[in-house]
């Protein structure tokens, strides 16, 4: 059951990012991110009224809030990266950061000692990031558009997933509601600071909100998958989500990768699996 939940989360996350990326090509990416969180907040607020909450304390609410800040940073920069760069590059870059950074923080700040597999994955991530982020022009190589945004998004998602795994389901959906609210409150000032247009065209409001509601469903699926002490397995399965937007972008947007980027994506996928299993 946890495996099915984690895979379901991966599929929904992948679809959410693909459709959000499409919306971000027709409106300001900051507005797409903001309205997505508003839609997700409404959906979770309704669910929280019916989901049993046996023991609500400050701790799970606080972890939900921390998760929301990570979500806000992650989706805002991911959507901005996808609005100018290729989904098949930006999304995998964000995923490598989301998986690798918590391990590195644990080593540096908490004295963790990852297994050998995790270290192999971390080492493999370095050339993977370099290969994926480079694109060849007629005369030279340059950094792929959206690379920096993808890496920043990865840092945000690392915070999101790490904090979600610490939420106790006894608190019901209230920590997830706190996460949605904090995500919106994180995106709005960042968007204003970036002088973004935070209003969406009317025709895009409902799709953006619907995609955001689906994103909340993916987070709940991931939270449920981590409750049976299978965090490593849930992480590696949920981390498969980039395959969805990468394949869809190649099929429907006709995105193509050069040989080096294909090798880099293969290394990135191996890195994610090794770090999660290690």
C-alpha atoms as a PDB file:
ATOM      1  CA  UNK A   1       0.000   0.000   0.000  1.00  0.00           C
ATOM      2  CA  UNK A   2       2.721   2.622   0.801  1.00  0.00           C
ATOM      3  CA  UNK A   3       4.408   1.805  -2.504  1.00  0.00           C
ATOM      4  CA  UNK A   4       1.176   2.431  -4.415  1.00  0.00           C
ATOM      5  CA  UNK A   5       0.630   5.700  -2.559  1.00  0.00           C
ATOM      6  CA  UNK A   6       4.178   6.892  -3.318  1.00  0.00           C
ATOM      7  CA  UNK A   7       3.869   5.997  -7.006  1.00  0.00           C
ATOM      8  CA  UNK A   8       0.494   7.735  -7.160  1.00  0.00           C
ATOM      9  CA  UNK A   9       2.093  10.824  -5.615  1.00  0.00           C
ATOM     10  CA  UNK A  10       4.826  10.692  -8.279  1.00  0.00           C
ATOM     11  CA  UNK A  11       2.298  10.523 -11.111  1.00  0.00           C
ATOM     12  CA  UNK A  12       0.217  13.399  -9.738  1.00  0.00           C
ATOM     13  CA  UNK A  13       3.306  15.535  -9.001  1.00  0.00           C
ATOM     14  CA  UNK A  14       4.530  14.923 -12.548  1.00  0.00           C
ATOM     15  CA  UNK A  15       1.203  15.893 -14.123  1.00  0.00           C
ATOM     16  CA  UNK A  16       0.926  18.967 -11.886  1.00  0.00           C
ATOM     17  CA  UNK A  17       4.356  20.214 -12.924  1.00  0.00           C
ATOM     18  CA  UNK A  18       3.720  19.566 -16.615  1.00  0.00           C
ATOM     19  CA  UNK A  19       0.421  21.437 -16.743  1.00  0.00           C
ATOM     20  CA  UNK A  20       1.753  24.219 -14.513  1.00  0.00           C
ATOM     21  CA  UNK A  21       4.661  24.592 -16.906  1.00  0.00           C
ATOM     22  CA  UNK A  22       2.235  24.939 -19.803  1.00  0.00           C
ATOM     23  CA  UNK A  23       0.254  27.602 -17.938  1.00  0.00           C
ATOM     24  CA  UNK A  24       3.475  29.449 -17.097  1.00  0.00           C
ATOM     25  CA  UNK A  25       4.120  29.853 -20.820  1.00  0.00           C
ATOM     26  CA  UNK A  26       0.861  31.774 -21.234  1.00  0.00           C
ATOM     27  CA  UNK A  27       0.995  33.974 -18.110  1.00  0.00           C
ATOM     28  CA  UNK A  28       3.442  35.171 -15.489  1.00  0.00           C
ATOM     29  CA  UNK A  29       4.912  32.113 -13.758  1.00  0.00           C
ATOM     30  CA  UNK A  30       4.650  33.783 -10.334  1.00  0.00           C
ATOM     31  CA  UNK A  31       0.911  34.251 -10.837  1.00  0.00           C
ATOM     32  CA  UNK A  32       0.503  30.603 -11.873  1.00  0.00           C
ATOM     33  CA  UNK A  33       2.333  29.516  -8.723  1.00  0.00           C
ATOM     34  CA  UNK A  34       0.284  31.824  -6.494  1.00  0.00           C
ATOM     35  CA  UNK A  35      -3.111  30.837  -7.861  1.00  0.00           C
ATOM     36  CA  UNK A  36      -2.095  27.204  -7.685  1.00  0.00           C
ATOM     37  CA  UNK A  37      -1.458  27.558  -3.953  1.00  0.00           C
ATOM     38  CA  UNK A  38      -4.760  29.383  -3.495  1.00  0.00           C
ATOM     39  CA  UNK A  39      -6.571  26.526  -5.221  1.00  0.00           C
ATOM     40  CA  UNK A  40      -4.671  24.026  -3.109  1.00  0.00           C
ATOM     41  CA  UNK A  41      -5.540  25.939   0.070  1.00  0.00           C
ATOM     42  CA  UNK A  42      -9.259  25.886  -0.706  1.00  0.00           C
ATOM     43  CA  UNK A  43      -9.164  22.147  -1.474  1.00  0.00           C
ATOM     44  CA  UNK A  44      -7.320  21.299   1.760  1.00  0.00           C
ATOM     45  CA  UNK A  45      -9.549  23.597   3.841  1.00  0.00           C
ATOM     46  CA  UNK A  46     -12.592  21.656   2.647  1.00  0.00           C
ATOM     47  CA  UNK A  47     -10.883  18.292   3.230  1.00  0.00           C
ATOM     48  CA  UNK A  48      -9.764  19.330   6.728  1.00  0.00           C
ATOM     49  CA  UNK A  49     -13.386  19.732   7.805  1.00  0.00           C
ATOM     50  CA  UNK A  50     -14.063  16.044   7.129  1.00  0.00           C
ATOM     51  CA  UNK A  51     -10.652  14.455   7.836  1.00  0.00           C
ATOM     52  CA  UNK A  52     -10.432  13.237  11.466  1.00  0.00           C
ATOM     53  CA  UNK A  53      -7.927  15.148  13.602  1.00  0.00           C
ATOM     54  CA  UNK A  54      -7.398  13.232  16.837  1.00  0.00           C
ATOM     55  CA  UNK A  55      -4.553  15.251  18.322  1.00  0.00           C
ATOM     56  CA  UNK A  56      -3.645  18.684  16.960  1.00  0.00           C
ATOM     57  CA  UNK A  57      -0.530  20.242  18.513  1.00  0.00           C
ATOM     58  CA  UNK A  58       1.809  23.060  17.561  1.00  0.00           C
ATOM     59  CA  UNK A  59       4.603  20.758  16.358  1.00  0.00           C
ATOM     60  CA  UNK A  60       2.883  19.264  13.276  1.00  0.00           C
ATOM     61  CA  UNK A  61       1.454  22.680  12.399  1.00  0.00           C
ATOM     62  CA  UNK A  62       4.969  24.136  12.585  1.00  0.00           C
ATOM     63  CA  UNK A  63       6.365  21.386  10.342  1.00  0.00           C
ATOM     64  CA  UNK A  64       3.517  22.059   7.926  1.00  0.00           C
ATOM     65  CA  UNK A  65       4.423  25.751   7.883  1.00  0.00           C
ATOM     66  CA  UNK A  66       8.098  24.959   7.184  1.00  0.00           C
ATOM     67  CA  UNK A  67       7.024  22.611   4.410  1.00  0.00           C
ATOM     68  CA  UNK A  68       4.875  25.377   2.931  1.00  0.00           C
ATOM     69  CA  UNK A  69       7.790  27.811   2.773  1.00  0.00           C
ATOM     70  CA  UNK A  70       9.790  25.179   0.885  1.00  0.00           C
ATOM     71  CA  UNK A  71       6.832  24.559  -1.409  1.00  0.00           C
ATOM     72  CA  UNK A  72       6.466  28.257  -2.158  1.00  0.00           C
ATOM     73  CA  UNK A  73      10.119  28.624  -3.124  1.00  0.00           C
ATOM     74  CA  UNK A  74      10.111  25.333  -5.039  1.00  0.00           C
ATOM     75  CA  UNK A  75       7.065  25.881  -7.231  1.00  0.00           C
ATOM     76  CA  UNK A  76       7.771  29.576  -7.865  1.00  0.00           C
ATOM     77  CA  UNK A  77      11.260  28.969  -9.216  1.00  0.00           C
ATOM     78  CA  UNK A  78      10.346  25.708 -10.941  1.00  0.00           C
ATOM     79  CA  UNK A  79       7.524  27.362 -12.868  1.00  0.00           C
ATOM     80  CA  UNK A  80       9.731  30.329 -13.732  1.00  0.00           C
ATOM     81  CA  UNK A  81      12.384  27.942 -15.014  1.00  0.00           C
ATOM     82  CA  UNK A  82       9.854  26.001 -17.087  1.00  0.00           C
ATOM     83  CA  UNK A  83       8.419  29.203 -18.544  1.00  0.00           C
ATOM     84  CA  UNK A  84      11.742  30.010 -20.231  1.00  0.00           C
ATOM     85  CA  UNK A  85      13.610  26.698 -20.350  1.00  0.00           C
ATOM     86  CA  UNK A  86      12.862  23.113 -21.262  1.00  0.00           C
ATOM     87  CA  UNK A  87      10.804  21.004 -18.849  1.00  0.00           C
ATOM     88  CA  UNK A  88      12.940  17.984 -19.705  1.00  0.00           C
ATOM     89  CA  UNK A  89      15.940  19.816 -18.203  1.00  0.00           C
ATOM     90  CA  UNK A  90      14.538  22.027 -15.437  1.00  0.00           C
ATOM     91  CA  UNK A  91      12.360  19.422 -13.681  1.00  0.00           C
ATOM     92  CA  UNK A  92      15.073  16.734 -13.294  1.00  0.00           C
ATOM     93  CA  UNK A  93      17.510  19.352 -11.983  1.00  0.00           C
ATOM     94  CA  UNK A  94      15.046  20.331  -9.276  1.00  0.00           C
ATOM     95  CA  UNK A  95      14.550  16.675  -8.353  1.00  0.00           C
ATOM     96  CA  UNK A  96      18.265  15.987  -7.880  1.00  0.00           C
ATOM     97  CA  UNK A  97      18.485  18.932  -5.495  1.00  0.00           C
ATOM     98  CA  UNK A  98      15.365  17.833  -3.616  1.00  0.00           C
ATOM     99  CA  UNK A  99      16.866  14.407  -2.916  1.00  0.00           C
ATOM    100  CA  UNK A 100      20.571  15.227  -2.481  1.00  0.00           C
ATOM    101  CA  UNK A 101      20.411  18.373  -0.326  1.00  0.00           C
ATOM    102  CA  UNK A 102      18.770  16.793   2.756  1.00  0.00           C
ATOM    103  CA  UNK A 103      21.532  14.178   2.801  1.00  0.00           C
ATOM    104  CA  UNK A 104      24.285  16.806   2.564  1.00  0.00           C
ATOM    105  CA  UNK A 105      22.693  18.955   5.275  1.00  0.00           C
ATOM    106  CA  UNK A 106      22.507  15.912   7.519  1.00  0.00           C
ATOM    107  CA  UNK A 107      26.204  15.224   6.993  1.00  0.00           C
ATOM    108  CA  UNK A 108      27.394  18.790   7.545  1.00  0.00           C
ATOM    109  CA  UNK A 109      25.068  19.928  10.337  1.00  0.00           C
ATOM    110  CA  UNK A 110      23.781  16.788  12.048  1.00  0.00           C
ATOM    111  CA  UNK A 111      26.761  14.466  11.813  1.00  0.00           C
ATOM    112  CA  UNK A 112      24.904  11.863   9.753  1.00  0.00           C
ATOM    113  CA  UNK A 113      26.890   9.101   8.088  1.00  0.00           C
ATOM    114  CA  UNK A 114      25.161   8.023   4.878  1.00  0.00           C
ATOM    115  CA  UNK A 115      25.693   4.555   3.484  1.00  0.00           C
ATOM    116  CA  UNK A 116      28.127   3.974   0.642  1.00  0.00           C
ATOM    117  CA  UNK A 117      25.308   3.911  -1.925  1.00  0.00           C
ATOM    118  CA  UNK A 118      24.235   7.410  -0.924  1.00  0.00           C
ATOM    119  CA  UNK A 119      27.779   8.720  -1.337  1.00  0.00           C
ATOM    120  CA  UNK A 120      28.008   7.160  -4.796  1.00  0.00           C
ATOM    121  CA  UNK A 121      24.734   8.892  -5.651  1.00  0.00           C
ATOM    122  CA  UNK A 122      25.994  12.256  -4.393  1.00  0.00           C
ATOM    123  CA  UNK A 123      29.201  11.911  -6.436  1.00  0.00           C
ATOM    124  CA  UNK A 124      27.185  10.932  -9.520  1.00  0.00           C
ATOM    125  CA  UNK A 125      24.960  13.998  -9.086  1.00  0.00           C
ATOM    126  CA  UNK A 126      27.847  16.398  -9.791  1.00  0.00           C
ATOM    127  CA  UNK A 127      28.542  15.374 -13.420  1.00  0.00           C
ATOM    128  CA  UNK A 128      24.806  14.760 -13.909  1.00  0.00           C
ATOM    129  CA  UNK A 129      23.977  18.362 -13.038  1.00  0.00           C
ATOM    130  CA  UNK A 130      26.763  19.664 -15.284  1.00  0.00           C
ATOM    131  CA  UNK A 131      25.768  17.535 -18.272  1.00  0.00           C
ATOM    132  CA  UNK A 132      22.046  18.281 -18.020  1.00  0.00           C
ATOM    133  CA  UNK A 133      22.585  22.008 -17.605  1.00  0.00           C
ATOM    134  CA  UNK A 134      24.766  22.420 -20.699  1.00  0.00           C
ATOM    135  CA  UNK A 135      23.464  22.917 -24.224  1.00  0.00           C
ATOM    136  CA  UNK A 136      25.584  22.996 -27.342  1.00  0.00           C
ATOM    137  CA  UNK A 137      25.365  25.860 -29.823  1.00  0.00           C
ATOM    138  CA  UNK A 138      27.005  26.049 -33.217  1.00  0.00           C
ATOM    139  CA  UNK A 139      30.084  27.732 -31.801  1.00  0.00           C
ATOM    140  CA  UNK A 140      30.304  26.736 -28.138  1.00  0.00           C
ATOM    141  CA  UNK A 141      28.494  25.487 -25.083  1.00  0.00           C
ATOM    142  CA  UNK A 142      26.312  27.604 -22.815  1.00  0.00           C
ATOM    143  CA  UNK A 143      24.279  27.106 -19.679  1.00  0.00           C
ATOM    144  CA  UNK A 144      20.784  25.782 -20.378  1.00  0.00           C
ATOM    145  CA  UNK A 145      18.024  28.349 -19.790  1.00  0.00           C
ATOM    146  CA  UNK A 146      16.239  27.728 -16.502  1.00  0.00           C
ATOM    147  CA  UNK A 147      19.121  25.837 -14.882  1.00  0.00           C
ATOM    148  CA  UNK A 148      19.537  28.174 -11.912  1.00  0.00           C
ATOM    149  CA  UNK A 149      15.788  28.272 -11.311  1.00  0.00           C
ATOM    150  CA  UNK A 150      15.686  24.477 -11.341  1.00  0.00           C
ATOM    151  CA  UNK A 151      18.451  24.241  -8.748  1.00  0.00           C
ATOM    152  CA  UNK A 152      16.804  26.829  -6.473  1.00  0.00           C
ATOM    153  CA  UNK A 153      13.531  24.937  -6.831  1.00  0.00           C
ATOM    154  CA  UNK A 154      15.328  21.783  -5.735  1.00  0.00           C
ATOM    155  CA  UNK A 155      16.403  23.483  -2.518  1.00  0.00           C
ATOM    156  CA  UNK A 156      12.811  24.483  -1.855  1.00  0.00           C
ATOM    157  CA  UNK A 157      11.503  20.977  -2.518  1.00  0.00           C
ATOM    158  CA  UNK A 158      14.191  19.530  -0.241  1.00  0.00           C
ATOM    159  CA  UNK A 159      12.727  21.592   2.607  1.00  0.00           C
ATOM    160  CA  UNK A 160       9.200  20.623   1.581  1.00  0.00           C
ATOM    161  CA  UNK A 161       9.727  16.861   1.559  1.00  0.00           C
ATOM    162  CA  UNK A 162      11.916  16.806   4.668  1.00  0.00           C
ATOM    163  CA  UNK A 163       9.317  18.706   6.684  1.00  0.00           C
ATOM    164  CA  UNK A 164       6.347  16.707   5.358  1.00  0.00           C
ATOM    165  CA  UNK A 165       7.890  13.455   6.585  1.00  0.00           C
ATOM    166  CA  UNK A 166       7.807  14.820  10.162  1.00  0.00           C
ATOM    167  CA  UNK A 167       4.073  15.586  10.179  1.00  0.00           C
ATOM    168  CA  UNK A 168       1.930  13.362  12.391  1.00  0.00           C
ATOM    169  CA  UNK A 169      -1.321  12.268  10.747  1.00  0.00           C
ATOM    170  CA  UNK A 170      -3.018  12.496  14.159  1.00  0.00           C
ATOM    171  CA  UNK A 171      -3.240  16.234  13.401  1.00  0.00           C
ATOM    172  CA  UNK A 172      -5.406  15.578  10.346  1.00  0.00           C
ATOM    173  CA  UNK A 173      -5.152  17.941   7.405  1.00  0.00           C
ATOM    174  CA  UNK A 174      -4.478  21.061   9.480  1.00  0.00           C
ATOM    175  CA  UNK A 175      -0.667  20.909   8.996  1.00  0.00           C
ATOM    176  CA  UNK A 176      -1.207  20.610   5.229  1.00  0.00           C
ATOM    177  CA  UNK A 177      -3.532  23.605   5.362  1.00  0.00           C
ATOM    178  CA  UNK A 178      -0.808  25.552   7.175  1.00  0.00           C
ATOM    179  CA  UNK A 179       1.592  24.477   4.428  1.00  0.00           C
ATOM    180  CA  UNK A 180      -0.700  25.737   1.656  1.00  0.00           C
ATOM    181  CA  UNK A 181      -1.224  29.088   3.378  1.00  0.00           C
ATOM    182  CA  UNK A 182       2.498  29.605   4.016  1.00  0.00           C
ATOM    183  CA  UNK A 183       3.303  28.643   0.431  1.00  0.00           C
ATOM    184  CA  UNK A 184       1.004  31.382  -0.876  1.00  0.00           C
ATOM    185  CA  UNK A 185       2.409  33.866   1.650  1.00  0.00           C
ATOM    186  CA  UNK A 186       5.930  32.985   0.480  1.00  0.00           C
ATOM    187  CA  UNK A 187       5.197  33.341  -3.229  1.00  0.00           C
ATOM    188  CA  UNK A 188       3.350  36.671  -3.039  1.00  0.00           C
ATOM    189  CA  UNK A 189       6.189  38.832  -1.610  1.00  0.00           C
ATOM    190  CA  UNK A 190       8.793  37.083  -3.766  1.00  0.00           C
ATOM    191  CA  UNK A 191       6.670  37.831  -6.812  1.00  0.00           C
ATOM    192  CA  UNK A 192       6.201  41.457  -5.813  1.00  0.00           C
ATOM    193  CA  UNK A 193       9.945  41.798  -5.197  1.00  0.00           C
ATOM    194  CA  UNK A 194      10.552  40.392  -8.684  1.00  0.00           C
ATOM    195  CA  UNK A 195       8.023  42.897 -10.089  1.00  0.00           C
ATOM    196  CA  UNK A 196       5.925  40.047 -11.418  1.00  0.00           C
ATOM    197  CA  UNK A 197       2.375  40.375 -12.683  1.00  0.00           C
ATOM    198  CA  UNK A 198       0.432  38.442 -10.031  1.00  0.00           C
ATOM    199  CA  UNK A 199      -2.918  38.631 -11.817  1.00  0.00           C
ATOM    200  CA  UNK A 200      -3.902  35.822 -14.136  1.00  0.00           C
ATOM    201  CA  UNK A 201      -6.036  36.176 -17.245  1.00  0.00           C
ATOM    202  CA  UNK A 202      -9.556  35.131 -16.293  1.00  0.00           C
ATOM    203  CA  UNK A 203      -9.497  32.081 -18.559  1.00  0.00           C
ATOM    204  CA  UNK A 204      -6.476  30.669 -16.678  1.00  0.00           C
ATOM    205  CA  UNK A 205      -7.689  31.166 -13.094  1.00  0.00           C
ATOM    206  CA  UNK A 206      -9.719  27.964 -12.856  1.00  0.00           C
ATOM    207  CA  UNK A 207      -7.086  25.737 -14.521  1.00  0.00           C
ATOM    208  CA  UNK A 208      -4.356  27.119 -12.245  1.00  0.00           C
ATOM    209  CA  UNK A 209      -6.480  26.564  -9.138  1.00  0.00           C
ATOM    210  CA  UNK A 210      -7.398  23.045 -10.284  1.00  0.00           C
ATOM    211  CA  UNK A 211      -3.751  22.153 -10.838  1.00  0.00           C
ATOM    212  CA  UNK A 212      -2.931  23.526  -7.377  1.00  0.00           C
ATOM    213  CA  UNK A 213      -5.671  21.384  -5.834  1.00  0.00           C
ATOM    214  CA  UNK A 214      -4.148  18.345  -7.534  1.00  0.00           C
ATOM    215  CA  UNK A 215      -0.777  19.332  -6.070  1.00  0.00           C
ATOM    216  CA  UNK A 216      -2.292  19.253  -2.592  1.00  0.00           C
ATOM    217  CA  UNK A 217      -3.627  15.765  -3.310  1.00  0.00           C
ATOM    218  CA  UNK A 218      -0.108  14.662  -4.285  1.00  0.00           C
ATOM    219  CA  UNK A 219       1.294  16.001  -1.017  1.00  0.00           C
ATOM    220  CA  UNK A 220      -1.343  14.113   0.978  1.00  0.00           C
ATOM    221  CA  UNK A 221      -0.515  10.913  -0.928  1.00  0.00           C
ATOM    222  CA  UNK A 222       3.185  11.386  -0.135  1.00  0.00           C
ATOM    223  CA  UNK A 223       2.414  12.077   3.527  1.00  0.00           C
ATOM    224  CA  UNK A 224       0.370   8.877   3.757  1.00  0.00           C
ATOM    225  CA  UNK A 225       3.168   6.911   2.072  1.00  0.00           C
ATOM    226  CA  UNK A 226       5.708   8.030   4.712  1.00  0.00           C
ATOM    227  CA  UNK A 227       3.633   6.976   7.715  1.00  0.00           C
ATOM    228  CA  UNK A 228       4.560   3.268   7.665  1.00  0.00           C
ATOM    229  CA  UNK A 229       8.286   3.761   8.342  1.00  0.00           C
ATOM    230  CA  UNK A 230       9.157   3.390   4.667  1.00  0.00           C
ATOM    231  CA  UNK A 231      10.487   6.907   4.172  1.00  0.00           C
ATOM    232  CA  UNK A 232      13.448   5.864   1.989  1.00  0.00           C
ATOM    233  CA  UNK A 233      11.246   3.766  -0.280  1.00  0.00           C
ATOM    234  CA  UNK A 234       8.549   6.436  -0.435  1.00  0.00           C
ATOM    235  CA  UNK A 235      11.173   9.049  -1.287  1.00  0.00           C
ATOM    236  CA  UNK A 236      12.742   7.113  -4.129  1.00  0.00           C
ATOM    237  CA  UNK A 237       9.359   6.192  -5.626  1.00  0.00           C
ATOM    238  CA  UNK A 238       7.957   9.719  -5.339  1.00  0.00           C
ATOM    239  CA  UNK A 239      11.217  11.056  -6.810  1.00  0.00           C
ATOM    240  CA  UNK A 240      10.357   9.317 -10.084  1.00  0.00           C
ATOM    241  CA  UNK A 241       7.918  12.142 -10.894  1.00  0.00           C
ATOM    242  CA  UNK A 242      10.240  13.963 -13.374  1.00  0.00           C
ATOM    243  CA  UNK A 243       9.725  11.091 -15.813  1.00  0.00           C
ATOM    244  CA  UNK A 244       6.150  12.294 -16.378  1.00  0.00           C
ATOM    245  CA  UNK A 245       6.850  15.897 -17.511  1.00  0.00           C
ATOM    246  CA  UNK A 246      10.009  14.830 -19.361  1.00  0.00           C
ATOM    247  CA  UNK A 247       8.128  12.272 -21.480  1.00  0.00           C
ATOM    248  CA  UNK A 248       5.115  14.550 -21.998  1.00  0.00           C
ATOM    249  CA  UNK A 249       7.381  17.448 -23.005  1.00  0.00           C
ATOM    250  CA  UNK A 250       9.132  15.278 -25.567  1.00  0.00           C
ATOM    251  CA  UNK A 251       5.861  13.939 -26.992  1.00  0.00           C
ATOM    252  CA  UNK A 252       3.695  17.073 -26.990  1.00  0.00           C
ATOM    253  CA  UNK A 253       6.223  19.928 -26.970  1.00  0.00           C
ATOM    254  CA  UNK A 254       8.779  18.168 -29.175  1.00  0.00           C
ATOM    255  CA  UNK A 255      11.643  18.904 -26.804  1.00  0.00           C
ATOM    256  CA  UNK A 256      14.883  17.171 -27.704  1.00  0.00           C
ATOM    257  CA  UNK A 257      18.012  16.572 -25.656  1.00  0.00           C
ATOM    258  CA  UNK A 258      21.544  16.259 -26.968  1.00  0.00           C
ATOM    259  CA  UNK A 259      23.594  13.160 -26.208  1.00  0.00           C
ATOM    260  CA  UNK A 260      25.386  14.690 -23.222  1.00  0.00           C
ATOM    261  CA  UNK A 261      22.101  15.780 -21.634  1.00  0.00           C
ATOM    262  CA  UNK A 262      20.651  12.299 -22.133  1.00  0.00           C
ATOM    263  CA  UNK A 263      23.650  10.827 -20.316  1.00  0.00           C
ATOM    264  CA  UNK A 264      23.212  13.466 -17.625  1.00  0.00           C
ATOM    265  CA  UNK A 265      19.531  12.581 -17.126  1.00  0.00           C
ATOM    266  CA  UNK A 266      20.454   8.908 -16.813  1.00  0.00           C
ATOM    267  CA  UNK A 267      23.080   9.783 -14.214  1.00  0.00           C
ATOM    268  CA  UNK A 268      20.588  12.030 -12.413  1.00  0.00           C
ATOM    269  CA  UNK A 269      18.030   9.233 -12.184  1.00  0.00           C
ATOM    270  CA  UNK A 270      20.678   6.822 -10.893  1.00  0.00           C
ATOM    271  CA  UNK A 271      21.835   9.438  -8.393  1.00  0.00           C
ATOM    272  CA  UNK A 272      18.319   9.907  -7.028  1.00  0.00           C
ATOM    273  CA  UNK A 273      17.801   6.171  -6.635  1.00  0.00           C
ATOM    274  CA  UNK A 274      21.154   5.585  -4.942  1.00  0.00           C
ATOM    275  CA  UNK A 275      20.788   8.480  -2.503  1.00  0.00           C
ATOM    276  CA  UNK A 276      17.254   7.476  -1.533  1.00  0.00           C
ATOM    277  CA  UNK A 277      18.072   3.791  -1.078  1.00  0.00           C
ATOM    278  CA  UNK A 278      21.344   4.541   0.687  1.00  0.00           C
END
